[in-house]
């Protein structure tokens, strides 16, 4: 009987300990919490991928500003040099998370492809979420002649006190990745 009680007590301690709590927590909620912990801060980044198509980004200052924060949505403007037309929006949905790309000109008018992106298909982790292209975006890309983008998968990573990453990949080899140093917030 003592052995049975000891085994039950050990199981209770194991299941209630910190490791179990981390596994039981929703990784998408933890991911949004990590984003919200960065709210109000600005970080510089650099392209770490080697695709020749990204040469324009490599030669410019890349800055992200985490703002527009709420429990279910975070907006992250992304500036490439003087071009401040990009904003990533990550939203909690009934089924997971959604990443959209909000593109506007300096007057705030929509330009080019707008609000394209995708929804998570898997729970991901507290550190990394992947967003395969959604049908609405596929339709937009097809209508605009950008069929190459119909297989996009985007990913966002948040490694607290270390690094934030934004990534685009496609089957066939297209890979773009920019990493931001979270250890050195900068002035906007």
Protein backbone atom coordinates (compact mmCIF):
# COMPACT_ATOMS: atom_id res chain seq x y z
CA UNK A 1 0.00 0.00 0.00
CA UNK A 2 2.86 2.38 0.87
CA UNK A 3 4.39 1.75 -2.56
CA UNK A 4 1.09 2.58 -4.25
CA UNK A 5 0.69 5.79 -2.21
CA UNK A 6 4.29 6.79 -2.96
CA UNK A 7 3.78 6.20 -6.69
CA UNK A 8 0.56 8.24 -6.68
CA UNK A 9 2.25 11.09 -4.79
CA UNK A 10 5.22 11.06 -7.20
CA UNK A 11 2.84 11.16 -10.17
CA UNK A 12 0.94 14.08 -8.64
CA UNK A 13 4.16 16.03 -8.09
CA UNK A 14 5.32 15.26 -11.63
CA UNK A 15 2.02 16.30 -13.21
CA UNK A 16 1.76 19.49 -11.17
CA UNK A 17 5.37 20.62 -11.60
CA UNK A 18 6.59 23.40 -13.89
CA UNK A 19 7.42 21.08 -16.81
CA UNK A 20 3.84 19.81 -17.01
CA UNK A 21 2.42 23.33 -16.71
CA UNK A 22 4.54 24.43 -19.69
CA UNK A 23 3.33 21.51 -21.81
CA UNK A 24 -0.30 22.00 -20.81
CA UNK A 25 -0.35 25.74 -21.64
CA UNK A 26 -1.63 26.66 -25.09
CA UNK A 27 1.50 27.45 -27.14
CA UNK A 28 -0.37 30.09 -29.18
CA UNK A 29 -1.45 31.92 -26.02
CA UNK A 30 2.15 31.77 -24.78
CA UNK A 31 3.34 33.08 -28.17
CA UNK A 32 0.96 36.07 -28.02
CA UNK A 33 2.06 36.74 -24.45
CA UNK A 34 5.67 36.84 -25.64
CA UNK A 35 4.73 39.35 -28.33
CA UNK A 36 2.81 41.48 -25.85
CA UNK A 37 5.83 41.49 -23.51
CA UNK A 38 7.67 43.44 -26.27
CA UNK A 39 4.92 46.05 -26.61
CA UNK A 40 6.13 49.61 -27.00
CA UNK A 41 9.66 48.58 -27.92
CA UNK A 42 11.56 49.04 -31.19
CA UNK A 43 14.31 46.76 -32.51
CA UNK A 44 16.74 46.73 -35.42
CA UNK A 45 17.24 43.67 -37.53
CA UNK A 46 19.18 42.25 -40.40
CA UNK A 47 18.55 39.85 -43.24
CA UNK A 48 20.21 36.54 -42.42
CA UNK A 49 19.08 34.62 -45.52
CA UNK A 50 21.24 34.64 -48.65
CA UNK A 51 18.73 34.84 -51.53
CA UNK A 52 19.82 37.39 -54.16
CA UNK A 53 16.20 38.65 -54.30
CA UNK A 54 16.72 40.19 -50.85
CA UNK A 55 19.65 42.46 -51.77
CA UNK A 56 17.50 45.60 -51.45
CA UNK A 57 16.62 44.72 -47.86
CA UNK A 58 20.24 43.97 -46.94
CA UNK A 59 21.35 47.50 -47.76
CA UNK A 60 18.74 49.27 -45.62
CA UNK A 61 18.02 49.81 -41.95
CA UNK A 62 15.37 47.30 -40.86
CA UNK A 63 13.27 48.32 -37.86
CA UNK A 64 10.25 46.75 -36.18
CA UNK A 65 8.11 48.48 -33.56
CA UNK A 66 5.85 46.27 -31.46
CA UNK A 67 2.68 48.23 -30.77
CA UNK A 68 -1.10 48.12 -31.06
CA UNK A 69 -1.05 45.40 -28.41
CA UNK A 70 -4.05 43.58 -27.01
CA UNK A 71 -4.59 40.11 -25.59
CA UNK A 72 -5.89 38.87 -28.97
CA UNK A 73 -3.94 41.02 -31.48
CA UNK A 74 -0.54 42.62 -31.93
CA UNK A 75 0.41 45.04 -34.71
CA UNK A 76 4.07 45.33 -35.68
CA UNK A 77 5.08 48.05 -38.15
CA UNK A 78 8.16 47.02 -40.14
CA UNK A 79 10.26 49.74 -41.78
CA UNK A 80 12.72 49.05 -44.58
CA UNK A 81 14.88 52.16 -44.76
CA UNK A 82 12.50 55.10 -45.23
CA UNK A 83 9.70 52.81 -46.44
CA UNK A 84 7.20 52.50 -43.58
CA UNK A 85 4.43 50.89 -45.62
CA UNK A 86 4.54 47.46 -43.96
CA UNK A 87 2.81 46.22 -40.83
CA UNK A 88 2.46 42.67 -39.56
CA UNK A 89 -0.76 41.90 -37.70
CA UNK A 90 -1.00 38.73 -35.61
CA UNK A 91 -4.50 37.94 -34.36
CA UNK A 92 -6.03 35.21 -32.22
CA UNK A 93 -8.84 33.41 -34.09
CA UNK A 94 -11.29 30.74 -32.95
CA UNK A 95 -8.98 28.09 -34.46
CA UNK A 96 -5.49 29.47 -33.87
CA UNK A 97 -3.47 32.49 -34.95
CA UNK A 98 -3.57 34.58 -38.12
CA UNK A 99 -0.78 36.65 -39.71
CA UNK A 100 -1.74 39.41 -42.13
CA UNK A 101 0.41 41.94 -43.98
CA UNK A 102 -1.07 45.44 -43.90
CA UNK A 103 0.50 47.56 -46.69
CA UNK A 104 -0.30 51.28 -46.95
CA UNK A 105 1.28 54.34 -48.55
CA UNK A 106 2.43 57.35 -46.46
CA UNK A 107 -1.10 58.81 -46.54
CA UNK A 108 -2.52 55.57 -45.10
CA UNK A 109 -4.09 54.41 -48.36
CA UNK A 110 -3.95 50.74 -49.27
CA UNK A 111 -1.38 50.00 -51.96
CA UNK A 112 -0.32 46.83 -53.71
CA UNK A 113 -1.15 43.54 -52.10
CA UNK A 114 -2.91 44.12 -48.80
CA UNK A 115 -3.99 42.02 -45.81
CA UNK A 116 -2.55 38.85 -47.28
CA UNK A 117 -1.25 36.07 -45.08
CA UNK A 118 -2.49 32.91 -43.49
CA UNK A 119 -3.67 31.00 -40.45
CA UNK A 120 -1.80 28.48 -38.34
CA UNK A 121 -2.53 24.87 -39.25
CA UNK A 122 -0.82 23.46 -36.15
CA UNK A 123 -0.43 24.61 -32.53
CA UNK A 124 3.23 25.53 -33.05
CA UNK A 125 5.28 26.42 -30.00
CA UNK A 126 5.56 29.34 -27.62
CA UNK A 127 8.62 30.37 -29.67
CA UNK A 128 7.56 29.72 -33.29
CA UNK A 129 4.32 29.91 -35.27
CA UNK A 130 3.90 29.10 -38.98
CA UNK A 131 1.24 30.59 -41.25
CA UNK A 132 0.54 28.82 -44.56
CA UNK A 133 -1.03 31.08 -47.20
CA UNK A 134 -4.85 31.26 -46.96
CA UNK A 135 -7.35 31.07 -49.82
CA UNK A 136 -8.18 34.78 -49.68
CA UNK A 137 -4.51 35.58 -50.23
CA UNK A 138 -4.16 32.98 -53.00
CA UNK A 139 -7.08 34.64 -54.79
CA UNK A 140 -5.46 38.08 -54.34
CA UNK A 141 -2.08 36.85 -55.63
CA UNK A 142 -3.67 35.12 -58.64
CA UNK A 143 -5.68 38.24 -59.50
CA UNK A 144 -2.53 40.38 -59.31
CA UNK A 145 -0.31 38.06 -61.31
CA UNK A 146 1.80 36.89 -58.36
CA UNK A 147 1.14 33.16 -58.69
CA UNK A 148 4.59 32.44 -57.23
CA UNK A 149 3.26 33.66 -53.86
CA UNK A 150 0.38 31.15 -53.75
CA UNK A 151 2.56 28.62 -51.92
CA UNK A 152 3.97 31.01 -49.29
CA UNK A 153 4.43 29.99 -45.69
CA UNK A 154 5.37 32.70 -43.21
CA UNK A 155 6.81 32.09 -39.77
CA UNK A 156 7.37 34.33 -36.78
CA UNK A 157 9.63 33.49 -33.86
CA UNK A 158 9.94 35.15 -30.46
CA UNK A 159 12.84 34.12 -28.23
CA UNK A 160 12.54 36.42 -25.18
CA UNK A 161 15.52 38.61 -24.39
CA UNK A 162 17.32 37.25 -27.45
CA UNK A 163 15.73 37.36 -30.92
CA UNK A 164 12.57 37.96 -32.99
CA UNK A 165 12.44 36.54 -36.52
CA UNK A 166 10.17 36.98 -39.52
CA UNK A 167 10.43 34.40 -42.27
CA UNK A 168 8.99 33.65 -45.71
CA UNK A 169 9.51 30.33 -47.47
CA UNK A 170 8.21 28.60 -50.58
CA UNK A 171 8.65 25.09 -51.96
CA UNK A 172 11.44 25.14 -54.49
CA UNK A 173 13.89 27.08 -52.38
CA UNK A 174 12.68 30.67 -51.83
CA UNK A 175 13.69 31.62 -48.30
CA UNK A 176 13.73 35.07 -46.68
CA UNK A 177 14.53 35.62 -43.02
CA UNK A 178 15.18 38.74 -40.98
CA UNK A 179 16.23 38.57 -37.34
CA UNK A 180 15.87 41.35 -34.77
CA UNK A 181 18.11 41.69 -31.72
CA UNK A 182 15.84 41.84 -28.65
CA UNK A 183 18.77 42.59 -26.36
CA UNK A 184 19.15 46.13 -27.73
CA UNK A 185 15.91 48.15 -28.01
CA UNK A 186 16.43 51.27 -30.13
CA UNK A 187 14.73 54.64 -30.53
CA UNK A 188 12.26 54.62 -33.41
